Amino acid sequence: MGSPAYVRESISALLCDVDWSNPSRATFNEGEYMMWLALPDGSLVDRVDVEVVGGGNPVPVLSHLCMVNGWFAYDVGERAFLDPEEERAQGWEASRRTPRD
């Protein structure tokens, strides 16, 4: 993916309201959902861990972020790559139906 600075800049170019107060962990509040993005330690970023909460659909934003930057999104719950042509991911839909304690 690139250096941490490059990855932060690439994300910030598309998510203009992303908050990088902590250079290794960002927050993006879309209104209908909140997204946390975490970069690994080191001089080369090989992944960005993303956690989403809320009722909105983050798939279009994640798909766009990946397509523009040549990245891929992997849904660890489904153990499958996110299909950028699908408006919703099965793993996201399943997580919305799962009650939380």
PDB file of N, CA and C in Angstrom:
ATOM      1  N   MET A   1       0.829  -1.185   0.000  1.00  0.00           N
ATOM      2  CA  MET A   1       0.000   0.000   0.000  1.00  0.00           C
ATOM      3  C   MET A   1       0.878   1.256   0.000  1.00  0.00           C
ATOM      4  N   GLY A   2       1.926   1.216   0.826  1.00  0.00           N
ATOM      5  CA  GLY A   2       2.826   2.358   0.856  1.00  0.00           C
ATOM      6  C   GLY A   2       3.214   2.769   2.259  1.00  0.00           C
ATOM      7  N   SER A   3       3.820   3.917   2.345  1.00  0.00           N
ATOM      8  CA  SER A   3       4.230   4.450   3.649  1.00  0.00           C
ATOM      9  C   SER A   3       2.991   4.890   4.426  1.00  0.00           C
ATOM     10  N   PRO A   4       3.099   5.003   5.748  1.00  0.00           N
ATOM     11  CA  PRO A   4       1.946   5.482   6.520  1.00  0.00           C
ATOM     12  C   PRO A   4       1.457   6.854   6.044  1.00  0.00           C
ATOM     13  N   ALA A   5       2.377   7.758   5.727  1.00  0.00           N
ATOM     14  CA  ALA A   5       1.978   9.089   5.261  1.00  0.00           C
ATOM     15  C   ALA A   5       1.203   8.997   3.949  1.00  0.00           C
ATOM     16  N   TYR A   6       1.671   8.160   3.037  1.00  0.00           N
ATOM     17  CA  TYR A   6       0.996   7.989   1.744  1.00  0.00           C
ATOM     18  C   TYR A   6      -0.408   7.406   1.934  1.00  0.00           C
ATOM     19  N   VAL A   7      -0.533   6.405   2.786  1.00  0.00           N
ATOM     20  CA  VAL A   7      -1.843   5.775   3.021  1.00  0.00           C
ATOM     21  C   VAL A   7      -2.790   6.767   3.678  1.00  0.00           C
ATOM     22  N   ARG A   8      -2.302   7.527   4.676  1.00  0.00           N
ATOM     23  CA  ARG A   8      -3.149   8.554   5.310  1.00  0.00           C
ATOM     24  C   ARG A   8      -3.623   9.576   4.271  1.00  0.00           C
ATOM     25  N   GLU A   9      -2.708  10.036   3.419  1.00  0.00           N
ATOM     26  CA  GLU A   9      -3.063  11.014   2.386  1.00  0.00           C
ATOM     27  C   GLU A   9      -4.073  10.434   1.400  1.00  0.00           C
ATOM     28  N   SER A  10      -3.900   9.175   1.026  1.00  0.00           N
ATOM     29  CA  SER A  10      -4.814   8.524   0.086  1.00  0.00           C
ATOM     30  C   SER A  10      -6.214   8.405   0.668  1.00  0.00           C
ATOM     31  N   ILE A  11      -6.295   8.072   1.935  1.00  0.00           N
ATOM     32  CA  ILE A  11      -7.600   7.965   2.605  1.00  0.00           C
ATOM     33  C   ILE A  11      -8.218   9.344   2.785  1.00  0.00           C
ATOM     34  N   SER A  12      -7.422  10.295   3.228  1.00  0.00           N
ATOM     35  CA  SER A  12      -7.925  11.651   3.472  1.00  0.00           C
ATOM     36  C   SER A  12      -8.395  12.337   2.202  1.00  0.00           C
ATOM     37  N   ALA A  13      -7.817  11.997   1.060  1.00  0.00           N
ATOM     38  CA  ALA A  13      -8.232  12.595  -0.203  1.00  0.00           C
ATOM     39  C   ALA A  13      -9.671  12.231  -0.553  1.00  0.00           C
ATOM     40  N   LEU A  14     -10.129  11.084  -0.097  1.00  0.00           N
ATOM     41  CA  LEU A  14     -11.491  10.632  -0.403  1.00  0.00           C
ATOM     42  C   LEU A  14     -12.452  10.782   0.764  1.00  0.00           C
ATOM     43  N   LEU A  15     -11.945  10.709   1.965  1.00  0.00           N
ATOM     44  CA  LEU A  15     -12.779  10.870   3.166  1.00  0.00           C
ATOM     45  C   LEU A  15     -12.349  12.176   3.832  1.00  0.00           C
ATOM     46  N   CYS A  16     -12.856  13.284   3.319  1.00  0.00           N
ATOM     47  CA  CYS A  16     -12.348  14.595   3.740  1.00  0.00           C
ATOM     48  C   CYS A  16     -12.542  14.885   5.223  1.00  0.00           C
ATOM     49  N   ASP A  17     -13.493  14.252   5.875  1.00  0.00           N
ATOM     50  CA  ASP A  17     -13.736  14.501   7.293  1.00  0.00           C
ATOM     51  C   ASP A  17     -13.055  13.492   8.208  1.00  0.00           C
ATOM     52  N   VAL A  18     -12.132  12.712   7.671  1.00  0.00           N
ATOM     53  CA  VAL A  18     -11.454  11.718   8.496  1.00  0.00           C
ATOM     54  C   VAL A  18     -10.552  12.443   9.490  1.00  0.00           C
ATOM     55  N   ASP A  19     -10.526  11.938  10.719  1.00  0.00           N
ATOM     56  CA  ASP A  19      -9.758  12.560  11.799  1.00  0.00           C
ATOM     57  C   ASP A  19      -8.538  11.700  12.116  1.00  0.00           C
ATOM     58  N   TRP A  20      -7.350  12.226  11.808  1.00  0.00           N
ATOM     59  CA  TRP A  20      -6.088  11.534  12.075  1.00  0.00           C
ATOM     60  C   TRP A  20      -5.405  12.142  13.302  1.00  0.00           C
ATOM     61  N   SER A  21      -6.161  12.470  14.352  1.00  0.00           N
ATOM     62  CA  SER A  21      -5.540  13.004  15.575  1.00  0.00           C
ATOM     63  C   SER A  21      -4.469  12.066  16.086  1.00  0.00           C
ATOM     64  N   ASN A  22      -4.712  10.778  15.947  1.00  0.00           N
ATOM     65  CA  ASN A  22      -3.715   9.757  16.241  1.00  0.00           C
ATOM     66  C   ASN A  22      -3.231   9.254  14.881  1.00  0.00           C
ATOM     67  N   PRO A  23      -1.950   9.445  14.529  1.00  0.00           N
ATOM     68  CA  PRO A  23      -1.476   9.094  13.190  1.00  0.00           C
ATOM     69  C   PRO A  23      -1.616   7.621  12.807  1.00  0.00           C
ATOM     70  N   SER A  24      -1.826   6.745  13.792  1.00  0.00           N
ATOM     71  CA  SER A  24      -1.974   5.328  13.454  1.00  0.00           C
ATOM     72  C   SER A  24      -3.424   4.853  13.527  1.00  0.00           C
ATOM     73  N   ARG A  25      -4.333   5.744  13.937  1.00  0.00           N
ATOM     74  CA  ARG A  25      -5.742   5.352  14.061  1.00  0.00           C
ATOM     75  C   ARG A  25      -6.619   6.552  13.734  1.00  0.00           C
ATOM     76  N   ALA A  26      -7.495   6.378  12.763  1.00  0.00           N
ATOM     77  CA  ALA A  26      -8.375   7.463  12.328  1.00  0.00           C
ATOM     78  C   ALA A  26      -9.826   7.137  12.640  1.00  0.00           C
ATOM     79  N   THR A  27     -10.632   8.183  12.700  1.00  0.00           N
ATOM     80  CA  THR A  27     -12.077   8.017  12.820  1.00  0.00           C
ATOM     81  C   THR A  27     -12.741   8.762  11.669  1.00  0.00           C
ATOM     82  N   PHE A  28     -13.810   8.176  11.180  1.00  0.00           N
ATOM     83  CA  PHE A  28     -14.597   8.792  10.123  1.00  0.00           C
ATOM     84  C   PHE A  28     -16.056   8.631  10.503  1.00  0.00           C
ATOM     85  N   ASN A  29     -16.722   9.753  10.770  1.00  0.00           N
ATOM     86  CA  ASN A  29     -18.122   9.734  11.158  1.00  0.00           C
ATOM     87  C   ASN A  29     -18.951  10.155   9.956  1.00  0.00           C
ATOM     88  N   GLU A  30     -19.614   9.204   9.348  1.00  0.00           N
ATOM     89  CA  GLU A  30     -20.411   9.451   8.160  1.00  0.00           C
ATOM     90  C   GLU A  30     -21.812   9.926   8.525  1.00  0.00           C
ATOM     91  N   GLY A  31     -22.164   9.807   9.776  1.00  0.00           N
ATOM     92  CA  GLY A  31     -23.504  10.176  10.226  1.00  0.00           C
ATOM     93  C   GLY A  31     -24.343   8.956  10.519  1.00  0.00           C
ATOM     94  N   GLU A  32     -24.463   8.058   9.531  1.00  0.00           N
ATOM     95  CA  GLU A  32     -25.236   6.834   9.733  1.00  0.00           C
ATOM     96  C   GLU A  32     -24.365   5.715  10.292  1.00  0.00           C
ATOM     97  N   TYR A  33     -23.063   5.892  10.235  1.00  0.00           N
ATOM     98  CA  TYR A  33     -22.134   4.913  10.805  1.00  0.00           C
ATOM     99  C   TYR A  33     -20.825   5.605  11.158  1.00  0.00           C
ATOM    100  N   MET A  34     -20.080   4.948  12.028  1.00  0.00           N
ATOM    101  CA  MET A  34     -18.754   5.411  12.433  1.00  0.00           C
ATOM    102  C   MET A  34     -17.756   4.357  11.980  1.00  0.00           C
ATOM    103  N   MET A  35     -16.662   4.823  11.399  1.00  0.00           N
ATOM    104  CA  MET A  35     -15.638   3.923  10.910  1.00  0.00           C
ATOM    105  C   MET A  35     -14.315   4.263  11.600  1.00  0.00           C
ATOM    106  N   TRP A  36     -13.632   3.232  12.099  1.00  0.00           N
ATOM    107  CA  TRP A  36     -12.291   3.384  12.648  1.00  0.00           C
ATOM    108  C   TRP A  36     -11.330   2.694  11.702  1.00  0.00           C
ATOM    109  N   LEU A  37     -10.239   3.355  11.398  1.00  0.00           N
ATOM    110  CA  LEU A  37      -9.225   2.810  10.507  1.00  0.00           C
ATOM    111  C   LEU A  37      -7.904   2.772  11.270  1.00  0.00           C
ATOM    112  N   ALA A  38      -7.271   1.620  11.310  1.00  0.00           N
ATOM    113  CA  ALA A  38      -6.031   1.462  12.072  1.00  0.00           C
ATOM    114  C   ALA A  38      -4.906   1.006  11.143  1.00  0.00           C
ATOM    115  N   LEU A  39      -3.787   1.726  11.215  1.00  0.00           N
ATOM    116  CA  LEU A  39      -2.599   1.358  10.453  1.00  0.00           C
ATOM    117  C   LEU A  39      -1.666   0.554  11.343  1.00  0.00           C
ATOM    118  N   PRO A  40      -0.991  -0.446  10.798  1.00  0.00           N
ATOM    119  CA  PRO A  40      -0.036  -1.213  11.596  1.00  0.00           C
ATOM    120  C   PRO A  40       1.222  -0.380  11.866  1.00  0.00           C
ATOM    121  N   ASP A  41       1.975  -0.781  12.872  1.00  0.00           N
ATOM    122  CA  ASP A  41       3.258  -0.133  13.147  1.00  0.00           C
ATOM    123  C   ASP A  41       4.237  -0.445  12.031  1.00  0.00           C
ATOM    124  N   GLY A  42       5.192   0.421  11.826  1.00  0.00           N
ATOM    125  CA  GLY A  42       6.231   0.167  10.845  1.00  0.00           C
ATOM    126  C   GLY A  42       6.267   1.216   9.745  1.00  0.00           C
ATOM    127  N   SER A  43       7.243   1.093   8.876  1.00  0.00           N
ATOM    128  CA  SER A  43       7.446   2.077   7.818  1.00  0.00           C
ATOM    129  C   SER A  43       6.705   1.738   6.530  1.00  0.00           C
ATOM    130  N   LEU A  44       6.111   0.555   6.464  1.00  0.00           N
ATOM    131  CA  LEU A  44       5.360   0.150   5.278  1.00  0.00           C
ATOM    132  C   LEU A  44       4.006  -0.410   5.708  1.00  0.00           C
ATOM    133  N   VAL A  45       2.954   0.166   5.194  1.00  0.00           N
ATOM    134  CA  VAL A  45       1.589  -0.277   5.515  1.00  0.00           C
ATOM    135  C   VAL A  45       1.200  -1.365   4.521  1.00  0.00           C
ATOM    136  N   ASP A  46       0.840  -2.543   5.038  1.00  0.00           N
ATOM    137  CA  ASP A  46       0.400  -3.637   4.178  1.00  0.00           C
ATOM    138  C   ASP A  46      -1.092  -3.920   4.322  1.00  0.00           C
ATOM    139  N   ARG A  47      -1.751  -3.200   5.254  1.00  0.00           N
ATOM    140  CA  ARG A  47      -3.185  -3.365   5.450  1.00  0.00           C
ATOM    141  C   ARG A  47      -3.703  -2.212   6.299  1.00  0.00           C
ATOM    142  N   VAL A  48      -4.980  -1.976   6.227  1.00  0.00           N
ATOM    143  CA  VAL A  48      -5.661  -1.032   7.107  1.00  0.00           C
ATOM    144  C   VAL A  48      -6.815  -1.801   7.719  1.00  0.00           C
ATOM    145  N   ASP A  49      -6.799  -1.935   9.031  1.00  0.00           N
ATOM    146  CA  ASP A  49      -7.893  -2.611   9.713  1.00  0.00           C
ATOM    147  C   ASP A  49      -9.042  -1.611   9.864  1.00  0.00           C
ATOM    148  N   VAL A  50     -10.243  -2.037   9.503  1.00  0.00           N
ATOM    149  CA  VAL A  50     -11.417  -1.160   9.538  1.00  0.00           C
ATOM    150  C   VAL A  50     -12.473  -1.800  10.409  1.00  0.00           C
ATOM    151  N   GLU A  51     -13.026  -0.996  11.303  1.00  0.00           N
ATOM    152  CA  GLU A  51     -14.151  -1.434  12.135  1.00  0.00           C
ATOM    153  C   GLU A  51     -15.273  -0.427  11.927  1.00  0.00           C
ATOM    154  N   VAL A  52     -16.488  -0.923  11.757  1.00  0.00           N
ATOM    155  CA  VAL A  52     -17.635  -0.059  11.481  1.00  0.00           C
ATOM    156  C   VAL A  52     -18.747  -0.386  12.457  1.00  0.00           C
ATOM    157  N   VAL A  53     -19.381   0.663  12.985  1.00  0.00           N
ATOM    158  CA  VAL A  53     -20.577   0.483  13.808  1.00  0.00           C
ATOM    159  C   VAL A  53     -21.629   1.475  13.335  1.00  0.00           C
ATOM    160  N   GLY A  54     -22.878   1.102  13.506  1.00  0.00           N
ATOM    161  CA  GLY A  54     -23.983   1.964  13.116  1.00  0.00           C
ATOM    162  C   GLY A  54     -24.879   1.276  12.112  1.00  0.00           C
ATOM    163  N   GLY A  55     -25.930   1.950  11.733  1.00  0.00           N
ATOM    164  CA  GLY A  55     -26.917   1.352  10.854  1.00  0.00           C
ATOM    165  C   GLY A  55     -26.706   1.623   9.383  1.00  0.00           C
ATOM    166  N   GLY A  56     -25.799   2.538   9.044  1.00  0.00           N
ATOM    167  CA  GLY A  56     -25.578   2.870   7.638  1.00  0.00           C
ATOM    168  C   GLY A  56     -24.765   1.817   6.911  1.00  0.00           C
ATOM    169  N   ASN A  57     -24.711   1.933   5.610  1.00  0.00           N
ATOM    170  CA  ASN A  57     -24.016   0.972   4.766  1.00  0.00           C
ATOM    171  C   ASN A  57     -22.640   1.519   4.373  1.00  0.00           C
ATOM    172  N   PRO A  58     -21.548   0.956   4.903  1.00  0.00           N
ATOM    173  CA  PRO A  58     -20.209   1.450   4.585  1.00  0.00           C
ATOM    174  C   PRO A  58     -19.631   0.886   3.291  1.00  0.00           C
ATOM    175  N   VAL A  59     -20.289  -0.077   2.692  1.00  0.00           N
ATOM    176  CA  VAL A  59     -19.720  -0.788   1.540  1.00  0.00           C
ATOM    177  C   VAL A  59     -19.418   0.142   0.363  1.00  0.00           C
ATOM    178  N   PRO A  60     -20.303   1.051  -0.028  1.00  0.00           N
ATOM    179  CA  PRO A  60     -19.961   1.927  -1.153  1.00  0.00           C
ATOM    180  C   PRO A  60     -18.710   2.780  -0.893  1.00  0.00           C
ATOM    181  N   VAL A  61     -18.556   3.283   0.314  1.00  0.00           N
ATOM    182  CA  VAL A  61     -17.384   4.098   0.655  1.00  0.00           C
ATOM    183  C   VAL A  61     -16.120   3.246   0.631  1.00  0.00           C
ATOM    184  N   LEU A  62     -16.180   2.067   1.232  1.00  0.00           N
ATOM    185  CA  LEU A  62     -15.017   1.178   1.225  1.00  0.00           C
ATOM    186  C   LEU A  62     -14.667   0.747  -0.194  1.00  0.00           C
ATOM    187  N   SER A  63     -15.669   0.423  -0.987  1.00  0.00           N
ATOM    188  CA  SER A  63     -15.427   0.016  -2.371  1.00  0.00           C
ATOM    189  C   SER A  63     -14.772   1.132  -3.170  1.00  0.00           C
ATOM    190  N   HIS A  64     -15.269   2.343  -3.007  1.00  0.00           N
ATOM    191  CA  HIS A  64     -14.704   3.487  -3.727  1.00  0.00           C
ATOM    192  C   HIS A  64     -13.257   3.745  -3.295  1.00  0.00           C
ATOM    193  N   LEU A  65     -13.015   3.692  -2.011  1.00  0.00           N
ATOM    194  CA  LEU A  65     -11.662   3.881  -1.478  1.00  0.00           C
ATOM    195  C   LEU A  65     -10.700   2.857  -2.076  1.00  0.00           C
ATOM    196  N   CYS A  66     -11.144   1.630  -2.175  1.00  0.00           N
ATOM    197  CA  CYS A  66     -10.301   0.568  -2.743  1.00  0.00           C
ATOM    198  C   CYS A  66     -10.106   0.735  -4.242  1.00  0.00           C
ATOM    199  N   MET A  67     -11.172   1.005  -4.967  1.00  0.00           N
ATOM    200  CA  MET A  67     -11.061   1.112  -6.422  1.00  0.00           C
ATOM    201  C   MET A  67     -10.149   2.270  -6.835  1.00  0.00           C
ATOM    202  N   VAL A  68     -10.286   3.407  -6.198  1.00  0.00           N
ATOM    203  CA  VAL A  68      -9.475   4.573  -6.550  1.00  0.00           C
ATOM    204  C   VAL A  68      -7.996   4.326  -6.272  1.00  0.00           C
ATOM    205  N   ASN A  69      -7.699   3.607  -5.192  1.00  0.00           N
ATOM    206  CA  ASN A  69      -6.313   3.409  -4.778  1.00  0.00           C
ATOM    207  C   ASN A  69      -5.707   2.080  -5.227  1.00  0.00           C
ATOM    208  N   GLY A  70      -6.501   1.238  -5.881  1.00  0.00           N
ATOM    209  CA  GLY A  70      -5.986  -0.062  -6.298  1.00  0.00           C
ATOM    210  C   GLY A  70      -5.817  -1.026  -5.139  1.00  0.00           C
ATOM    211  N   TRP A  71      -6.622  -0.846  -4.108  1.00  0.00           N
ATOM    212  CA  TRP A  71      -6.580  -1.700  -2.929  1.00  0.00           C
ATOM    213  C   TRP A  71      -7.712  -2.714  -3.000  1.00  0.00           C
ATOM    214  N   PHE A  72      -7.712  -3.660  -2.066  1.00  0.00           N
ATOM    215  CA  PHE A  72      -8.771  -4.657  -1.949  1.00  0.00           C
ATOM    216  C   PHE A  72      -9.263  -4.671  -0.512  1.00  0.00           C
ATOM    217  N   ALA A  73     -10.543  -4.899  -0.327  1.00  0.00           N
ATOM    218  CA  ALA A  73     -11.115  -5.019   1.018  1.00  0.00           C
ATOM    219  C   ALA A  73     -11.441  -6.484   1.271  1.00  0.00           C
ATOM    220  N   TYR A  74     -11.044  -6.957   2.433  1.00  0.00           N
ATOM    221  CA  TYR A  74     -11.281  -8.345   2.813  1.00  0.00           C
ATOM    222  C   TYR A  74     -12.196  -8.367   4.020  1.00  0.00           C
ATOM    223  N   ASP A  75     -13.300  -9.064   3.917  1.00  0.00           N
ATOM    224  CA  ASP A  75     -14.269  -9.209   5.000  1.00  0.00           C
ATOM    225  C   ASP A  75     -13.862 -10.417   5.831  1.00  0.00           C
ATOM    226  N   VAL A  76     -13.311 -10.174   7.020  1.00  0.00           N
ATOM    227  CA  VAL A  76     -12.824 -11.295   7.835  1.00  0.00           C
ATOM    228  C   VAL A  76     -13.973 -12.164   8.326  1.00  0.00           C
ATOM    229  N   GLY A  77     -15.164 -11.588   8.499  1.00  0.00           N
ATOM    230  CA  GLY A  77     -16.310 -12.381   8.930  1.00  0.00           C
ATOM    231  C   GLY A  77     -16.759 -13.378   7.886  1.00  0.00           C
ATOM    232  N   GLU A  78     -16.711 -12.969   6.631  1.00  0.00           N
ATOM    233  CA  GLU A  78     -17.127 -13.836   5.524  1.00  0.00           C
ATOM    234  C   GLU A  78     -15.958 -14.611   4.922  1.00  0.00           C
ATOM    235  N   ARG A  79     -14.743 -14.210   5.292  1.00  0.00           N
ATOM    236  CA  ARG A  79     -13.526 -14.804   4.707  1.00  0.00           C
ATOM    237  C   ARG A  79     -13.554 -14.710   3.194  1.00  0.00           C
ATOM    238  N   ALA A  80     -13.861 -13.503   2.723  1.00  0.00           N
ATOM    239  CA  ALA A  80     -13.959 -13.265   1.279  1.00  0.00           C
ATOM    240  C   ALA A  80     -13.632 -11.805   0.984  1.00  0.00           C
ATOM    241  N   PHE A  81     -13.151 -11.559  -0.224  1.00  0.00           N
ATOM    242  CA  PHE A  81     -12.906 -10.196  -0.641  1.00  0.00           C
ATOM    243  C   PHE A  81     -14.231  -9.500  -0.924  1.00  0.00           C
ATOM    244  N   LEU A  82     -14.293  -8.226  -0.604  1.00  0.00           N
ATOM    245  CA  LEU A  82     -15.479  -7.425  -0.860  1.00  0.00           C
ATOM    246  C   LEU A  82     -15.632  -7.237  -2.364  1.00  0.00           C
ATOM    247  N   ASP A  83     -16.821  -7.482  -2.864  1.00  0.00           N
ATOM    248  CA  ASP A  83     -17.111  -7.299  -4.279  1.00  0.00           C
ATOM    249  C   ASP A  83     -17.519  -5.839  -4.486  1.00  0.00           C
ATOM    250  N   PRO A  84     -16.687  -5.050  -5.195  1.00  0.00           N
ATOM    251  CA  PRO A  84     -17.013  -3.632  -5.364  1.00  0.00           C
ATOM    252  C   PRO A  84     -18.277  -3.381  -6.184  1.00  0.00           C
ATOM    253  N   GLU A  85     -18.778  -4.396  -6.863  1.00  0.00           N
ATOM    254  CA  GLU A  85     -19.988  -4.245  -7.663  1.00  0.00           C
ATOM    255  C   GLU A  85     -21.253  -4.440  -6.830  1.00  0.00           C
ATOM    256  N   GLU A  86     -21.115  -5.002  -5.639  1.00  0.00           N
ATOM    257  CA  GLU A  86     -22.270  -5.232  -4.760  1.00  0.00           C
ATOM    258  C   GLU A  86     -22.474  -4.020  -3.864  1.00  0.00           C
ATOM    259  N   GLU A  87     -23.716  -3.593  -3.710  1.00  0.00           N
ATOM    260  CA  GLU A  87     -23.998  -2.458  -2.841  1.00  0.00           C
ATOM    261  C   GLU A  87     -23.853  -2.809  -1.370  1.00  0.00           C
ATOM    262  N   ARG A  88     -24.091  -4.060  -1.046  1.00  0.00           N
ATOM    263  CA  ARG A  88     -24.003  -4.502   0.351  1.00  0.00           C
ATOM    264  C   ARG A  88     -23.203  -5.789   0.409  1.00  0.00           C
ATOM    265  N   ALA A  89     -22.491  -5.952   1.486  1.00  0.00           N
ATOM    266  CA  ALA A  89     -21.710  -7.172   1.687  1.00  0.00           C
ATOM    267  C   ALA A  89     -22.483  -8.103   2.608  1.00  0.00           C
ATOM    268  N   GLN A  90     -22.410  -9.382   2.350  1.00  0.00           N
ATOM    269  CA  GLN A  90     -23.131 -10.349   3.178  1.00  0.00           C
ATOM    270  C   GLN A  90     -22.685 -10.270   4.635  1.00  0.00           C
ATOM    271  N   GLY A  91     -21.401 -10.114   4.881  1.00  0.00           N
ATOM    272  CA  GLY A  91     -20.893 -10.027   6.252  1.00  0.00           C
ATOM    273  C   GLY A  91     -21.432  -8.818   6.979  1.00  0.00           C
ATOM    274  N   TRP A  92     -21.568  -7.698   6.273  1.00  0.00           N
ATOM    275  CA  TRP A  92     -22.127  -6.494   6.886  1.00  0.00           C
ATOM    276  C   TRP A  92     -23.590  -6.715   7.231  1.00  0.00           C
ATOM    277  N   GLU A  93     -24.339  -7.301   6.325  1.00  0.00           N
ATOM    278  CA  GLU A  93     -25.749  -7.574   6.594  1.00  0.00           C
ATOM    279  C   GLU A  93     -25.909  -8.522   7.779  1.00  0.00           C
ATOM    280  N   ALA A  94     -25.084  -9.544   7.852  1.00  0.00           N
ATOM    281  CA  ALA A  94     -25.171 -10.506   8.955  1.00  0.00           C
ATOM    282  C   ALA A  94     -24.838  -9.835  10.278  1.00  0.00           C
ATOM    283  N   SER A  95     -23.847  -8.947  10.292  1.00  0.00           N
ATOM    284  CA  SER A  95     -23.467  -8.291  11.549  1.00  0.00           C
ATOM    285  C   SER A  95     -24.566  -7.362  12.039  1.00  0.00           C
ATOM    286  N   ARG A  96     -25.336  -6.799  11.115  1.00  0.00           N
ATOM    287  CA  ARG A  96     -26.435  -5.925  11.514  1.00  0.00           C
ATOM    288  C   ARG A  96     -27.566  -6.718  12.152  1.00  0.00           C
ATOM    289  N   ARG A  97     -27.712  -7.988  11.793  1.00  0.00           N
ATOM    290  CA  ARG A  97     -28.783  -8.821  12.343  1.00  0.00           C
ATOM    291  C   ARG A  97     -28.379  -9.509  13.629  1.00  0.00           C
ATOM    292  N   THR A  98     -27.080  -9.513  13.941  1.00  0.00           N
ATOM    293  CA  THR A  98     -26.599 -10.208  15.132  1.00  0.00           C
ATOM    294  C   THR A  98     -26.769  -9.313  16.361  1.00  0.00           C
ATOM    295  N   PRO A  99     -27.534  -9.757  17.353  1.00  0.00           N
ATOM    296  CA  PRO A  99     -27.684  -8.935  18.562  1.00  0.00           C
ATOM    297  C   PRO A  99     -26.365  -8.836  19.323  1.00  0.00           C
ATOM    298  N   ARG A 100     -26.129  -7.666  19.871  1.00  0.00           N
ATOM    299  CA  ARG A 100     -24.918  -7.448  20.672  1.00  0.00           C
ATOM    300  C   ARG A 100     -25.307  -7.305  22.134  1.00  0.00           C
ATOM    301  N   ASP A 101     -24.428  -7.788  23.000  1.00  0.00           N
ATOM    302  CA  ASP A 101     -24.682  -7.673  24.455  1.00  0.00           C
ATOM    303  C   ASP A 101     -24.377  -6.292  24.955  1.00  0.00           C
TER     304      ASP A 101
END
